Amino acid sequence: MEISIVENRTPQVIGALLQLWEASVRVTHDFLTESEIARIGAYVPEALQGVCHLAVAKREDGSLAAFLGVEERRIEMLFVAPEERGKGIGRALVSFAAEQFSANEVTVNEQNAQAVGFYEKMGFVPYRRTQTDEQGGSYPLLYMKR
C-alpha cells in the first residue's frame, strides 16, 4: 500500500475518486436515501478539487484503495473502498494526515456509527454536536478532535 499526495487533479482522477466515494458511502451511510446520495455526489467533484490537501492510498497494482482530504488541520473526507475496509488503510491515512498536515480534527455524521467508532479508536473525542449537517439536512454532526 502506497500513500501519496495528489498533485494533478485531472478529470480522470476526480472520476475515479468519485466512484470510490460512492461505493464507500453505499456501505457506510445507510441512513442516506438514493436521492441524497445523488445530491451529495453532485458536489463531491467540486469538494475534491477544492480541498487543500488530497492524499490517496493505492494498492500494489496502482488502483485506488482509499482517499483523504485535509483543510487546515481538519480531516474533511476519508473514504475507503468497501473491499479494503478493516485492513488498516483508514488508520494509515489518518496517521499520514496527522504527520504531514498536523490534522487533529474531524466532523462525522453521528448516524455513521462505524466512523464514530473508528475515530474514537484513533483517539478523537467529541467536543461539539449539531442537530443538522452543514447544509441544513437532518443529519446530526459530531465535531471531534484529539
C-alpha atoms as a PDB file:
ATOM      1  CA  MET A   1       0.000   0.000   0.000  1.00  0.00           C
ATOM      2  CA  GLU A   2       1.399   3.366  -1.019  1.00  0.00           C
ATOM      3  CA  ILE A   3       0.125   6.735   0.232  1.00  0.00           C
ATOM      4  CA  SER A   4       0.799   9.792  -1.894  1.00  0.00           C
ATOM      5  CA  ILE A   5      -0.425  13.343  -2.327  1.00  0.00           C
ATOM      6  CA  VAL A   6      -2.478  14.005  -5.463  1.00  0.00           C
ATOM      7  CA  GLU A   7      -0.675  16.769  -7.327  1.00  0.00           C
ATOM      8  CA  ASN A   8      -2.646  16.750 -10.577  1.00  0.00           C
ATOM      9  CA  ARG A   9      -6.410  16.526 -10.087  1.00  0.00           C
ATOM     10  CA  THR A  10      -7.373  15.571 -13.623  1.00  0.00           C
ATOM     11  CA  PRO A  11     -10.950  14.707 -14.602  1.00  0.00           C
ATOM     12  CA  GLN A  12      -9.883  11.040 -14.703  1.00  0.00           C
ATOM     13  CA  VAL A  13      -8.518  11.178 -11.146  1.00  0.00           C
ATOM     14  CA  ILE A  14     -11.609  13.000  -9.872  1.00  0.00           C
ATOM     15  CA  GLY A  15     -13.848  10.475 -11.648  1.00  0.00           C
ATOM     16  CA  ALA A  16     -12.044   7.530 -10.046  1.00  0.00           C
ATOM     17  CA  LEU A  17     -12.258   9.168  -6.609  1.00  0.00           C
ATOM     18  CA  LEU A  18     -15.971   9.841  -7.124  1.00  0.00           C
ATOM     19  CA  GLN A  19     -16.557   6.153  -7.911  1.00  0.00           C
ATOM     20  CA  LEU A  20     -14.669   5.141  -4.762  1.00  0.00           C
ATOM     21  CA  TRP A  21     -16.642   7.717  -2.747  1.00  0.00           C
ATOM     22  CA  GLU A  22     -19.979   6.316  -3.929  1.00  0.00           C
ATOM     23  CA  ALA A  23     -19.004   2.690  -3.275  1.00  0.00           C
ATOM     24  CA  SER A  24     -17.837   3.620   0.224  1.00  0.00           C
ATOM     25  CA  VAL A  25     -20.922   5.700   1.015  1.00  0.00           C
ATOM     26  CA  ARG A  26     -23.230   2.864  -0.017  1.00  0.00           C
ATOM     27  CA  VAL A  27     -21.768   0.583   2.685  1.00  0.00           C
ATOM     28  CA  THR A  28     -21.226   3.155   5.446  1.00  0.00           C
ATOM     29  CA  HIS A  29     -24.011   5.729   5.101  1.00  0.00           C
ATOM     30  CA  ASP A  30     -27.107   3.519   5.202  1.00  0.00           C
ATOM     31  CA  PHE A  31     -29.093   6.452   6.567  1.00  0.00           C
ATOM     32  CA  LEU A  32     -28.915   8.267   3.199  1.00  0.00           C
ATOM     33  CA  THR A  33     -31.556   7.797   0.513  1.00  0.00           C
ATOM     34  CA  GLU A  34     -30.706   7.293  -3.160  1.00  0.00           C
ATOM     35  CA  SER A  35     -31.700  10.879  -3.934  1.00  0.00           C
ATOM     36  CA  GLU A  36     -29.488  12.183  -1.116  1.00  0.00           C
ATOM     37  CA  ILE A  37     -26.517  10.158  -2.371  1.00  0.00           C
ATOM     38  CA  ALA A  38     -27.080  11.628  -5.842  1.00  0.00           C
ATOM     39  CA  ARG A  39     -27.441  15.157  -4.447  1.00  0.00           C
ATOM     40  CA  ILE A  40     -24.256  14.919  -2.383  1.00  0.00           C
ATOM     41  CA  GLY A  41     -22.436  13.113  -5.193  1.00  0.00           C
ATOM     42  CA  ALA A  42     -23.040  16.071  -7.492  1.00  0.00           C
ATOM     43  CA  TYR A  43     -20.993  18.213  -5.077  1.00  0.00           C
ATOM     44  CA  VAL A  44     -18.156  15.721  -4.487  1.00  0.00           C
ATOM     45  CA  PRO A  45     -16.048  16.601  -7.584  1.00  0.00           C
ATOM     46  CA  GLU A  46     -16.015  20.261  -6.518  1.00  0.00           C
ATOM     47  CA  ALA A  47     -15.015  19.265  -2.976  1.00  0.00           C
ATOM     48  CA  LEU A  48     -12.221  17.046  -4.321  1.00  0.00           C
ATOM     49  CA  GLN A  49     -10.912  19.868  -6.497  1.00  0.00           C
ATOM     50  CA  GLY A  50     -11.158  22.426  -3.711  1.00  0.00           C
ATOM     51  CA  VAL A  51      -9.751  20.629  -0.672  1.00  0.00           C
ATOM     52  CA  CYS A  52      -6.280  21.879   0.194  1.00  0.00           C
ATOM     53  CA  HIS A  53      -4.546  18.510   0.637  1.00  0.00           C
ATOM     54  CA  LEU A  54      -5.716  15.342  -1.092  1.00  0.00           C
ATOM     55  CA  ALA A  55      -3.980  12.018  -0.422  1.00  0.00           C
ATOM     56  CA  VAL A  56      -4.659   8.591  -1.866  1.00  0.00           C
ATOM     57  CA  ALA A  57      -3.768   5.074  -0.826  1.00  0.00           C
ATOM     58  CA  LYS A  58      -3.054   2.798  -3.782  1.00  0.00           C
ATOM     59  CA  ARG A  59      -2.906  -0.956  -3.979  1.00  0.00           C
ATOM     60  CA  GLU A  60       0.175  -2.723  -5.338  1.00  0.00           C
ATOM     61  CA  ASP A  61      -1.419  -2.767  -8.810  1.00  0.00           C
ATOM     62  CA  GLY A  62      -1.810   1.036  -8.675  1.00  0.00           C
ATOM     63  CA  SER A  63      -5.582   1.052  -8.231  1.00  0.00           C
ATOM     64  CA  LEU A  64      -7.208   3.282  -5.629  1.00  0.00           C
ATOM     65  CA  ALA A  65      -7.954   1.809  -2.213  1.00  0.00           C
ATOM     66  CA  ALA A  66      -8.873   4.981  -0.277  1.00  0.00           C
ATOM     67  CA  PHE A  67      -8.549   8.748  -0.166  1.00  0.00           C
ATOM     68  CA  LEU A  68      -8.412  11.511   2.403  1.00  0.00           C
ATOM     69  CA  GLY A  69      -8.798  15.289   2.189  1.00  0.00           C
ATOM     70  CA  VAL A  70      -7.463  17.811   4.702  1.00  0.00           C
ATOM     71  CA  GLU A  71      -8.214  21.520   5.031  1.00  0.00           C
ATOM     72  CA  GLU A  72      -6.054  23.375   7.521  1.00  0.00           C
ATOM     73  CA  ARG A  73      -5.895  20.855  10.408  1.00  0.00           C
ATOM     74  CA  ARG A  74      -9.285  19.227   9.783  1.00  0.00           C
ATOM     75  CA  ILE A  75      -9.884  15.915   8.029  1.00  0.00           C
ATOM     76  CA  GLU A  76     -12.641  16.871   5.604  1.00  0.00           C
ATOM     77  CA  MET A  77     -13.084  13.491   3.947  1.00  0.00           C
ATOM     78  CA  LEU A  78     -11.939   9.900   4.356  1.00  0.00           C
ATOM     79  CA  PHE A  79     -13.356   7.148   2.181  1.00  0.00           C
ATOM     80  CA  VAL A  80     -12.126   3.575   1.875  1.00  0.00           C
ATOM     81  CA  ALA A  81     -13.122   1.093  -0.840  1.00  0.00           C
ATOM     82  CA  PRO A  82     -15.544  -1.452   0.658  1.00  0.00           C
ATOM     83  CA  GLU A  83     -13.249  -4.402  -0.034  1.00  0.00           C
ATOM     84  CA  GLU A  84     -10.345  -2.630   1.723  1.00  0.00           C
ATOM     85  CA  ARG A  85     -12.177  -1.831   4.960  1.00  0.00           C
ATOM     86  CA  GLY A  86     -10.703  -3.266   8.140  1.00  0.00           C
ATOM     87  CA  LYS A  87      -7.184  -3.563   6.713  1.00  0.00           C
ATOM     88  CA  GLY A  88      -5.654  -0.508   8.401  1.00  0.00           C
ATOM     89  CA  ILE A  89      -5.801   1.798   5.378  1.00  0.00           C
ATOM     90  CA  GLY A  90      -8.015   4.391   7.064  1.00  0.00           C
ATOM     91  CA  ARG A  91      -5.762   4.340  10.118  1.00  0.00           C
ATOM     92  CA  ALA A  92      -2.696   4.797   7.883  1.00  0.00           C
ATOM     93  CA  LEU A  93      -4.292   7.765   6.095  1.00  0.00           C
ATOM     94  CA  VAL A  94      -5.305   9.451   9.367  1.00  0.00           C
ATOM     95  CA  SER A  95      -1.755   8.963  10.681  1.00  0.00           C
ATOM     96  CA  PHE A  96      -0.381  10.366   7.409  1.00  0.00           C
ATOM     97  CA  ALA A  97      -2.652  13.417   7.746  1.00  0.00           C
ATOM     98  CA  ALA A  98      -1.512  13.962  11.342  1.00  0.00           C
ATOM     99  CA  GLU A  99       2.161  13.695  10.405  1.00  0.00           C
ATOM    100  CA  GLN A 100       2.082  15.660   7.151  1.00  0.00           C
ATOM    101  CA  PHE A 101      -0.564  18.298   7.897  1.00  0.00           C
ATOM    102  CA  SER A 102      -0.956  18.264  11.713  1.00  0.00           C
ATOM    103  CA  ALA A 103      -4.576  17.151  11.234  1.00  0.00           C
ATOM    104  CA  ASN A 104      -6.245  16.749  14.619  1.00  0.00           C
ATOM    105  CA  GLU A 105      -9.951  17.418  13.966  1.00  0.00           C
ATOM    106  CA  VAL A 106     -12.752  15.741  12.059  1.00  0.00           C
ATOM    107  CA  THR A 107     -16.509  16.143  11.631  1.00  0.00           C
ATOM    108  CA  VAL A 108     -18.556  12.941  11.425  1.00  0.00           C
ATOM    109  CA  ASN A 109     -22.200  12.135  10.757  1.00  0.00           C
ATOM    110  CA  GLU A 110     -23.437  10.924  14.130  1.00  0.00           C
ATOM    111  CA  GLN A 111     -25.535   8.276  12.352  1.00  0.00           C
ATOM    112  CA  ASN A 112     -22.364   6.760  10.859  1.00  0.00           C
ATOM    113  CA  ALA A 113     -21.586   4.661  13.933  1.00  0.00           C
ATOM    114  CA  GLN A 114     -18.710   2.898  12.168  1.00  0.00           C
ATOM    115  CA  ALA A 115     -16.920   6.191  11.519  1.00  0.00           C
ATOM    116  CA  VAL A 116     -17.582   7.481  15.029  1.00  0.00           C
ATOM    117  CA  GLY A 117     -16.113   4.282  16.487  1.00  0.00           C
ATOM    118  CA  PHE A 118     -13.143   4.406  14.124  1.00  0.00           C
ATOM    119  CA  TYR A 119     -12.229   7.959  15.106  1.00  0.00           C
ATOM    120  CA  GLU A 120     -12.726   7.218  18.799  1.00  0.00           C
ATOM    121  CA  LYS A 121     -10.256   4.318  18.460  1.00  0.00           C
ATOM    122  CA  MET A 122      -7.865   6.785  16.798  1.00  0.00           C
ATOM    123  CA  GLY A 123      -8.050   8.992  19.909  1.00  0.00           C
ATOM    124  CA  PHE A 124     -10.609  11.568  18.762  1.00  0.00           C
ATOM    125  CA  VAL A 125     -13.236  12.761  21.234  1.00  0.00           C
ATOM    126  CA  PRO A 126     -16.415  14.757  20.524  1.00  0.00           C
ATOM    127  CA  TYR A 127     -16.352  18.393  21.595  1.00  0.00           C
ATOM    128  CA  ARG A 128     -19.488  19.652  19.833  1.00  0.00           C
ATOM    129  CA  ARG A 129     -22.711  18.289  18.349  1.00  0.00           C
ATOM    130  CA  THR A 130     -25.187  19.852  15.946  1.00  0.00           C
ATOM    131  CA  GLN A 131     -28.746  18.747  15.138  1.00  0.00           C
ATOM    132  CA  THR A 132     -28.239  19.248  11.398  1.00  0.00           C
ATOM    133  CA  ASP A 133     -25.443  18.898   8.877  1.00  0.00           C
ATOM    134  CA  GLU A 134     -23.705  21.900   7.334  1.00  0.00           C
ATOM    135  CA  GLN A 135     -26.294  22.063   4.535  1.00  0.00           C
ATOM    136  CA  GLY A 136     -29.203  22.102   6.999  1.00  0.00           C
ATOM    137  CA  GLY A 137     -30.128  18.445   6.458  1.00  0.00           C
ATOM    138  CA  SER A 138     -31.475  16.376   9.337  1.00  0.00           C
ATOM    139  CA  TYR A 139     -28.162  14.605   9.958  1.00  0.00           C
ATOM    140  CA  PRO A 140     -26.566  15.407  13.332  1.00  0.00           C
ATOM    141  CA  LEU A 141     -22.827  16.035  13.229  1.00  0.00           C
ATOM    142  CA  LEU A 142     -20.164  15.290  15.811  1.00  0.00           C
ATOM    143  CA  TYR A 143     -17.136  17.554  15.838  1.00  0.00           C
ATOM    144  CA  MET A 144     -14.180  15.587  17.179  1.00  0.00           C
ATOM    145  CA  LYS A 145     -10.547  16.361  17.982  1.00  0.00           C
ATOM    146  CA  ARG A 146      -7.507  14.799  19.590  1.00  0.00           C
END
